[in-house]
Amino acid sequence: MSTINAVQLPKSTGQFLVGTTTYHWIDTKRKETLGDHPNRELMVQVWYPAQTTGKKSDYMSPTLRAYIARNADYPYSLFEFGYTTKQVLTNSFEDVPVSDAKSHYPVVIFSHGFGAPRYLYTSLLEDLASRGYIVVAPSHTYASDPVEFPDGRITQAADVFRKNTGAFKRNEETRAEAIALSKVWIGDIQFVADMLEQINHQDSKGLLTGKLDMQHLGLFGHSFGGFVTEQLCRMDKRFKAGVDIDGDLIGYELEQGFDTPFMCVYVAAGMPSKEELARMGMTEETFRSIVGGMENKIKTLCNAIPNDTYQVKCKTAHHMTFSDYFLINPFGSPEEQGKVIDPQRGVAMTRALLGDFFDRYLKGQTSVDLLDNASQNIEIVIKA
């Protein structure tokens, strides 16, 4: 398939070149409940500070691009994203050696949004790696856009995704289903953390052995992955800092704090048009209750956490500002034009927030002041 044009992801801001590699891991201790594989099976991509350049990494493989072009029946419209008509150019290199500038690097795990592919956040993940982090992103199988495995299999989103897209916040039945699904994702992240300990001891690829500073492990997620991040920071003490990016906090224990530094980044959403509301299956009343309820829950949680917390309201952001979505397909609908922060500024804002937060709480750079940095950006209202 020929490409119409190319989209270059923004240049990374850190001092390091960026390498990337991908692992296929099977959790033999967990049964697969969403698909037909006997055990839970994950594809996991890692970005890291690199020593040299090499072959540029693909945003997605040619095989996966061709598969998507043949299959339009997905919960998200991949054609709308522009995946099949644009070549997205990354800033990372495949399987090159890890930089020897430091003996090891702090680690950050990322959990993508519900149904979104891990690579939709490449501009953020590459940037963290360029700043001196090893960044790890699993695809949550059967709750992600198509996932390609080494033997050629490609899995699609399961019925649980198709049935509940956009509905998890609307009633107690779907809320219970969301919490049940979050336990699968929590298991995924904990399994990934366990596997990172193993490859830090001995990586079969010979890349990451001894390079992961697992004593300084962070976690962040977007949308449903943001909710999973909050749950894991509450329950797993291996994570030393966490960021929820525009993820609704649908658990029940918000008034019970935890002692992990935490940041909530969220959209101060205006009322969508009638057409947008209809597409989401919402009334104006439902939309107001969701947005207002989300901000109240964030305040409740942050007030209950004794250590450092940050509430970051993004005044002109869209839910997909915190990804590559608008970089690939600027302002995907006419209704969004003129209402949403410029895609390049949106990515720069998100990169700065993540980098400054993890620099402070994983690298111990106490001179980093999120409040001072945020005051330079008129798109942000921040409360610590």
Protein backbone atom coordinates (compact mmCIF):
# COMPACT_ATOMS: atom_id res chain seq x y z
CA MET A 1 0.00 0.00 0.00
CA SER A 2 1.43 3.38 -0.95
CA THR A 3 1.46 6.19 1.59
CA ILE A 4 -0.08 9.56 0.89
CA ASN A 5 2.21 11.52 3.20
CA ALA A 6 4.43 11.21 6.24
CA VAL A 7 4.02 12.50 9.79
CA GLN A 8 7.19 13.05 11.81
CA LEU A 9 6.70 12.72 15.55
CA PRO A 10 8.14 15.68 17.50
CA LYS A 11 11.84 15.49 18.22
CA SER A 12 12.59 14.16 21.70
CA THR A 13 13.74 16.74 24.24
CA GLY A 14 16.24 14.77 26.32
CA GLN A 15 19.99 14.28 25.98
CA PHE A 16 19.89 10.62 24.93
CA LEU A 17 19.30 8.84 21.66
CA VAL A 18 16.40 6.39 21.97
CA GLY A 19 16.37 2.65 21.32
CA THR A 20 13.39 0.33 21.33
CA THR A 21 12.78 -3.41 21.49
CA THR A 22 9.77 -5.68 21.88
CA TYR A 23 9.15 -8.77 24.02
CA HIS A 24 6.54 -11.53 23.89
CA TRP A 25 5.72 -12.77 27.37
CA ILE A 26 3.23 -15.43 28.54
CA ASP A 27 2.00 -15.45 32.13
CA THR A 28 1.65 -19.16 32.80
CA LYS A 29 0.12 -18.44 36.22
CA ARG A 30 -2.95 -16.70 34.77
CA LYS A 31 -5.68 -18.09 32.57
CA GLU A 32 -6.86 -15.95 29.66
CA THR A 33 -10.43 -14.80 30.35
CA LEU A 34 -10.96 -12.46 27.39
CA GLY A 35 -9.81 -14.63 24.48
CA ASP A 36 -9.04 -18.18 23.42
CA HIS A 37 -5.36 -18.47 24.35
CA PRO A 38 -4.92 -20.74 27.40
CA ASN A 39 -2.78 -18.25 29.33
CA ARG A 40 -2.55 -14.46 29.48
CA GLU A 41 -0.21 -13.38 26.68
CA LEU A 42 1.31 -9.92 26.21
CA MET A 43 3.35 -7.98 23.69
CA VAL A 44 5.53 -5.47 25.54
CA GLN A 45 7.53 -2.66 23.95
CA VAL A 46 10.48 -0.98 25.70
CA TRP A 47 12.08 2.38 24.92
CA TYR A 48 15.47 3.19 26.47
CA PRO A 49 18.48 5.54 26.34
CA ALA A 50 20.59 4.35 23.42
CA GLN A 51 24.32 4.32 22.77
CA THR A 52 24.16 4.46 18.96
CA THR A 53 21.80 4.97 16.06
CA GLY A 54 20.63 2.17 13.78
CA LYS A 55 17.57 1.15 11.80
CA LYS A 56 14.65 3.47 12.58
CA SER A 57 11.78 1.67 14.31
CA ASP A 58 8.38 1.34 12.67
CA TYR A 59 5.41 3.03 14.30
CA MET A 60 3.52 -0.15 13.48
CA SER A 61 4.64 -3.08 11.37
CA PRO A 62 3.74 -3.24 7.66
CA THR A 63 1.83 -6.45 8.39
CA LEU A 64 -0.33 -4.73 10.98
CA ARG A 65 -0.92 -1.72 8.72
CA ALA A 66 -2.11 -4.02 5.95
CA TYR A 67 -4.35 -5.94 8.35
CA ILE A 68 -5.98 -2.75 9.60
CA ALA A 69 -6.57 -1.58 6.04
CA ARG A 70 -8.53 -4.77 5.38
CA ASN A 71 -10.58 -4.66 8.58
CA ALA A 72 -12.66 -1.57 9.34
CA ASP A 73 -14.82 -3.12 12.08
CA TYR A 74 -13.05 -1.79 15.17
CA PRO A 75 -14.25 0.07 18.29
CA TYR A 76 -12.04 3.00 17.33
CA SER A 77 -11.85 4.09 13.71
CA LEU A 78 -8.26 3.41 12.74
CA PHE A 79 -8.96 4.90 9.35
CA GLU A 80 -9.91 8.15 11.10
CA PHE A 81 -6.59 8.02 12.96
CA GLY A 82 -4.84 8.03 9.58
CA TYR A 83 -2.86 4.84 10.19
CA THR A 84 -3.52 3.43 6.75
CA THR A 85 -2.93 6.60 4.74
CA LYS A 86 0.03 8.19 6.56
CA GLN A 87 3.47 6.95 7.39
CA VAL A 88 4.29 7.91 10.99
CA LEU A 89 8.03 8.45 11.53
CA THR A 90 9.48 7.75 14.96
CA ASN A 91 12.64 8.99 16.71
CA SER A 92 13.83 5.60 17.99
CA PHE A 93 16.15 2.87 16.69
CA GLU A 94 15.55 -0.89 16.78
CA ASP A 95 17.53 -3.09 19.15
CA VAL A 96 20.56 -0.81 19.45
CA PRO A 97 22.75 -1.02 22.60
CA VAL A 98 21.68 0.75 25.79
CA SER A 99 23.66 3.90 26.57
CA ASP A 100 26.65 3.32 28.85
CA ALA A 101 26.45 6.89 30.17
CA LYS A 102 24.94 5.47 33.36
CA SER A 103 25.15 2.02 34.92
CA HIS A 104 21.36 1.73 35.13
CA TYR A 105 18.23 3.84 34.64
CA PRO A 106 14.94 4.36 36.50
CA VAL A 107 11.99 2.50 35.02
CA VAL A 108 8.50 3.73 34.12
CA ILE A 109 5.66 1.42 33.05
CA PHE A 110 2.82 2.81 30.92
CA SER A 111 -0.77 1.54 30.64
CA HIS A 112 -2.61 2.69 27.49
CA GLY A 113 -6.23 3.80 27.22
CA PHE A 114 -9.14 1.38 26.85
CA GLY A 115 -8.96 0.05 23.30
CA ALA A 116 -6.05 2.24 22.26
CA PRO A 117 -2.79 0.68 20.95
CA ARG A 118 0.41 1.21 22.90
CA TYR A 119 2.09 2.91 19.93
CA LEU A 120 -0.50 5.72 19.93
CA TYR A 121 1.61 7.26 22.74
CA THR A 122 5.04 6.91 21.11
CA SER A 123 5.80 10.66 21.24
CA LEU A 124 5.50 10.59 25.05
CA LEU A 125 7.30 7.28 25.60
CA GLU A 126 10.23 8.16 23.36
CA ASP A 127 10.63 11.48 25.14
CA LEU A 128 10.84 9.93 28.60
CA ALA A 129 13.47 7.51 27.31
CA SER A 130 15.46 10.43 25.88
CA ARG A 131 15.43 11.97 29.38
CA GLY A 132 17.09 8.91 30.89
CA TYR A 133 14.31 6.42 31.64
CA ILE A 134 13.61 2.87 30.55
CA VAL A 135 9.96 3.03 29.52
CA VAL A 136 7.85 -0.14 29.26
CA ALA A 137 4.44 -0.37 27.58
CA PRO A 138 2.43 -3.60 27.35
CA SER A 139 -0.52 -4.01 25.02
CA HIS A 140 -3.46 -5.17 27.14
CA THR A 141 -4.50 -8.04 24.88
CA TYR A 142 -8.19 -8.16 23.84
CA ALA A 143 -8.71 -4.65 25.25
CA SER A 144 -6.47 -2.93 22.74
CA ASP A 145 -6.65 -2.23 19.04
CA PRO A 146 -5.19 -5.18 17.10
CA VAL A 147 -2.09 -6.75 18.66
CA GLU A 148 0.42 -8.63 16.51
CA PHE A 149 2.29 -11.65 17.90
CA PRO A 150 5.58 -13.11 16.63
CA ASP A 151 3.91 -16.19 15.08
CA GLY A 152 1.75 -13.97 12.85
CA ARG A 153 -1.44 -14.04 14.91
CA ILE A 154 -3.29 -10.74 15.28
CA THR A 155 -5.83 -10.44 18.09
CA GLN A 156 -8.75 -8.05 18.03
CA ALA A 157 -10.61 -6.32 20.85
CA ALA A 158 -12.90 -8.74 22.66
CA ASP A 159 -16.65 -8.46 23.09
CA VAL A 160 -16.16 -6.93 26.55
CA PHE A 161 -14.60 -3.93 24.83
CA ARG A 162 -17.15 -3.60 22.05
CA LYS A 163 -20.06 -3.83 24.47
CA ASN A 164 -18.79 -1.30 26.98
CA THR A 165 -16.89 1.35 25.04
CA GLY A 166 -17.77 4.71 26.56
CA ALA A 167 -20.34 3.20 28.92
CA PHE A 168 -18.34 2.35 32.03
CA LYS A 169 -19.32 5.54 33.84
CA ARG A 170 -23.04 5.31 33.29
CA ASN A 171 -24.41 2.72 35.70
CA GLU A 172 -23.43 0.30 38.43
CA GLU A 173 -23.57 -2.76 36.17
CA THR A 174 -21.00 -1.44 33.72
CA ARG A 175 -19.01 0.05 36.61
CA ALA A 176 -18.71 -3.44 38.10
CA GLU A 177 -17.60 -4.80 34.71
CA ALA A 178 -14.97 -2.07 34.47
CA ILE A 179 -13.59 -2.90 37.90
CA ALA A 180 -13.46 -6.58 36.94
CA LEU A 181 -11.56 -5.75 33.76
CA SER A 182 -9.20 -3.48 35.68
CA LYS A 183 -8.11 -6.53 37.71
CA VAL A 184 -6.93 -8.14 34.46
CA TRP A 185 -4.92 -5.03 33.60
CA ILE A 186 -3.53 -4.82 37.14
CA GLY A 187 -2.37 -8.41 36.72
CA ASP A 188 -0.75 -7.47 33.41
CA ILE A 189 1.25 -4.63 34.96
CA GLN A 190 2.34 -6.67 37.96
CA PHE A 191 3.42 -9.50 35.66
CA VAL A 192 5.40 -7.03 33.54
CA ALA A 193 7.13 -5.71 36.68
CA ASP A 194 8.01 -9.31 37.64
CA MET A 195 9.41 -9.99 34.17
CA LEU A 196 11.49 -6.82 34.29
CA GLU A 197 13.14 -8.14 37.43
CA GLN A 198 13.98 -11.33 35.52
CA ILE A 199 15.44 -9.66 32.43
CA ASN A 200 17.40 -7.28 34.66
CA HIS A 201 19.07 -10.41 35.99
CA GLN A 202 19.45 -11.99 32.54
CA ASP A 203 17.98 -10.61 29.32
CA SER A 204 17.92 -13.20 26.54
CA LYS A 205 18.34 -10.34 24.06
CA GLY A 206 21.49 -9.15 25.81
CA LEU A 207 20.18 -5.58 25.96
CA LEU A 208 18.78 -4.78 29.40
CA THR A 209 20.71 -7.04 31.78
CA GLY A 210 21.64 -4.92 34.81
CA LYS A 211 20.30 -1.74 33.20
CA LEU A 212 16.98 -1.39 35.05
CA ASP A 213 16.91 0.47 38.37
CA MET A 214 13.91 -1.37 39.80
CA GLN A 215 14.24 0.49 43.10
CA HIS A 216 13.01 3.58 41.26
CA LEU A 217 9.94 2.31 39.45
CA GLY A 218 7.15 4.62 38.30
CA LEU A 219 3.82 4.11 36.58
CA PHE A 220 1.47 6.20 34.47
CA GLY A 221 -1.58 5.56 32.35
CA HIS A 222 -4.08 7.29 30.11
CA SER A 223 -7.87 7.00 30.47
CA PHE A 224 -8.67 3.47 31.72
CA GLY A 225 -4.93 2.97 32.17
CA GLY A 226 -4.97 6.01 34.45
CA PHE A 227 -7.55 4.37 36.71
CA VAL A 228 -5.43 1.20 36.75
CA THR A 229 -2.42 3.35 37.73
CA GLU A 230 -4.31 4.74 40.73
CA GLN A 231 -5.29 1.23 41.83
CA LEU A 232 -1.75 -0.11 41.53
CA CYS A 233 -0.17 2.80 43.42
CA ARG A 234 -2.66 2.03 46.16
CA MET A 235 -1.84 -1.69 46.36
CA ASP A 236 1.72 -2.32 45.08
CA LYS A 237 4.55 -0.63 46.95
CA ARG A 238 7.03 -1.31 44.17
CA PHE A 239 5.70 1.80 42.43
CA LYS A 240 7.30 4.94 43.85
CA ALA A 241 5.34 7.54 41.84
CA GLY A 242 2.23 7.51 39.64
CA VAL A 243 0.36 9.68 37.13
CA ASP A 244 -3.26 9.32 36.05
CA ILE A 245 -3.83 11.10 32.72
CA ASP A 246 -7.54 11.83 32.25
CA GLY A 247 -8.65 8.55 33.74
CA ASP A 248 -11.91 8.48 35.70
CA LEU A 249 -11.46 7.13 39.24
CA ILE A 250 -14.24 4.56 39.35
CA GLY A 251 -13.15 2.71 42.49
CA TYR A 252 -14.85 2.99 45.86
CA GLU A 253 -11.95 3.81 48.18
CA LEU A 254 -11.04 7.35 47.15
CA GLU A 255 -11.25 8.66 50.71
CA GLN A 256 -8.65 6.10 51.76
CA GLY A 257 -5.32 7.58 50.77
CA PHE A 258 -2.00 5.93 50.00
CA ASP A 259 1.54 7.20 50.48
CA THR A 260 2.78 7.31 46.87
CA PRO A 261 3.39 10.72 45.23
CA PHE A 262 0.65 11.07 42.64
CA MET A 263 -0.41 13.44 39.87
CA CYS A 264 -3.83 13.65 38.19
CA VAL A 265 -3.88 15.37 34.79
CA TYR A 266 -7.36 15.94 33.42
CA VAL A 267 -9.39 17.81 30.85
CA ALA A 268 -11.57 20.77 31.73
CA ALA A 269 -14.03 19.78 29.05
CA GLY A 270 -16.56 22.16 27.57
CA MET A 271 -19.99 20.95 26.50
CA PRO A 272 -19.71 18.97 23.23
CA SER A 273 -21.98 19.71 20.31
CA LYS A 274 -25.28 17.86 19.98
CA GLU A 275 -23.71 15.75 17.23
CA GLU A 276 -20.79 14.76 19.46
CA LEU A 277 -23.12 13.93 22.35
CA ALA A 278 -25.21 11.75 20.07
CA ARG A 279 -22.09 9.94 18.87
CA MET A 280 -21.13 9.25 22.49
CA GLY A 281 -24.68 8.22 23.39
CA MET A 282 -24.96 10.89 26.11
CA THR A 283 -27.29 13.66 27.13
CA GLU A 284 -26.04 17.06 28.36
CA GLU A 285 -27.02 16.06 31.89
CA THR A 286 -25.01 12.83 31.71
CA PHE A 287 -21.97 14.65 30.35
CA ARG A 288 -22.07 17.27 33.12
CA SER A 289 -22.37 14.59 35.79
CA ILE A 290 -19.39 12.69 34.40
CA VAL A 291 -17.06 15.69 34.04
CA GLY A 292 -18.07 17.31 37.32
CA GLY A 293 -18.00 14.01 39.15
CA MET A 294 -14.53 13.22 37.85
CA GLU A 295 -13.06 16.49 39.14
CA ASN A 296 -14.68 15.97 42.55
CA LYS A 297 -13.25 12.46 42.76
CA ILE A 298 -9.77 13.74 41.91
CA LYS A 299 -10.03 16.34 44.69
CA THR A 300 -11.22 13.68 47.15
CA LEU A 301 -8.33 11.36 46.30
CA CYS A 302 -5.64 14.05 46.40
CA ASN A 303 -6.89 15.32 49.74
CA ALA A 304 -6.58 11.79 51.13
CA ILE A 305 -2.95 11.26 50.04
CA PRO A 306 -0.52 12.45 52.73
CA ASN A 307 2.48 12.76 50.40
CA ASP A 308 2.91 15.06 47.43
CA THR A 309 -0.05 15.26 45.05
CA TYR A 310 -0.80 17.41 42.04
CA GLN A 311 -4.11 18.24 40.35
CA VAL A 312 -3.44 19.49 36.82
CA LYS A 313 -6.43 20.83 34.89
CA CYS A 314 -5.81 21.33 31.15
CA LYS A 315 -8.15 24.07 30.02
CA THR A 316 -8.28 23.48 26.26
CA ALA A 317 -7.26 19.85 26.00
CA HIS A 318 -9.17 16.94 24.50
CA HIS A 319 -9.11 13.41 25.92
CA MET A 320 -6.80 12.39 23.04
CA THR A 321 -4.48 15.41 23.40
CA PHE A 322 -2.30 13.19 25.62
CA SER A 323 -1.34 10.92 22.72
CA ASP A 324 -0.28 11.03 19.07
CA TYR A 325 -3.90 11.19 17.89
CA PHE A 326 -3.98 14.83 16.75
CA LEU A 327 -0.38 14.71 15.50
CA ILE A 328 -1.41 12.04 13.02
CA ASN A 329 -4.86 13.41 12.23
CA PRO A 330 -5.03 17.07 13.35
CA PHE A 331 -8.39 17.91 14.90
CA GLY A 332 -10.20 14.81 13.81
CA SER A 333 -13.64 16.41 13.45
CA PRO A 334 -14.86 19.87 12.38
CA GLU A 335 -16.40 20.38 15.83
CA GLU A 336 -12.96 20.12 17.44
CA GLN A 337 -11.24 22.71 15.25
CA GLY A 338 -10.42 25.86 17.17
CA LYS A 339 -11.46 24.34 20.51
CA VAL A 340 -8.46 22.13 21.26
CA ILE A 341 -4.88 23.05 22.12
CA ASP A 342 -2.48 22.83 19.16
CA PRO A 343 -1.28 19.20 18.90
CA GLN A 344 2.42 20.10 19.14
CA ARG A 345 1.77 22.25 22.24
CA GLY A 346 -0.39 19.54 23.75
CA VAL A 347 2.35 16.92 23.41
CA ALA A 348 5.02 19.36 24.69
CA MET A 349 2.86 20.17 27.72
CA THR A 350 2.31 16.49 28.54
CA ARG A 351 5.98 15.63 28.05
CA ALA A 352 7.04 18.42 30.41
CA LEU A 353 4.60 17.38 33.13
CA LEU A 354 5.65 13.72 32.98
CA GLY A 355 9.36 14.46 32.76
CA ASP A 356 9.37 16.97 35.61
CA PHE A 357 7.24 14.74 37.85
CA PHE A 358 9.34 11.61 37.40
CA ASP A 359 12.61 13.60 37.57
CA ARG A 360 11.53 14.77 41.01
CA TYR A 361 10.18 11.51 42.42
CA LEU A 362 12.28 8.82 40.68
CA LYS A 363 15.58 10.67 40.14
CA GLY A 364 15.35 12.77 43.30
CA GLN A 365 15.88 16.06 41.49
CA THR A 366 14.32 18.23 44.19
CA SER A 367 15.18 21.39 42.29
CA VAL A 368 12.42 20.52 39.81
CA ASP A 369 9.39 22.65 40.68
CA LEU A 370 6.25 21.59 38.88
CA LEU A 371 4.44 24.71 40.07
CA ASP A 372 7.03 27.03 38.54
CA ASN A 373 7.09 25.12 35.28
CA ALA A 374 3.31 25.03 35.07
CA SER A 375 3.03 28.77 35.63
CA GLN A 376 4.75 29.25 32.27
CA ASN A 377 1.94 27.43 30.43
CA ILE A 378 -1.36 29.23 30.12
CA GLU A 379 -3.09 25.95 29.26
CA ILE A 380 -2.64 24.58 32.77
CA VAL A 381 -4.21 25.18 36.14
CA ILE A 382 -2.28 23.28 38.79
CA LYS A 383 -2.84 22.70 42.48
CA ALA A 384 -0.39 20.91 44.77
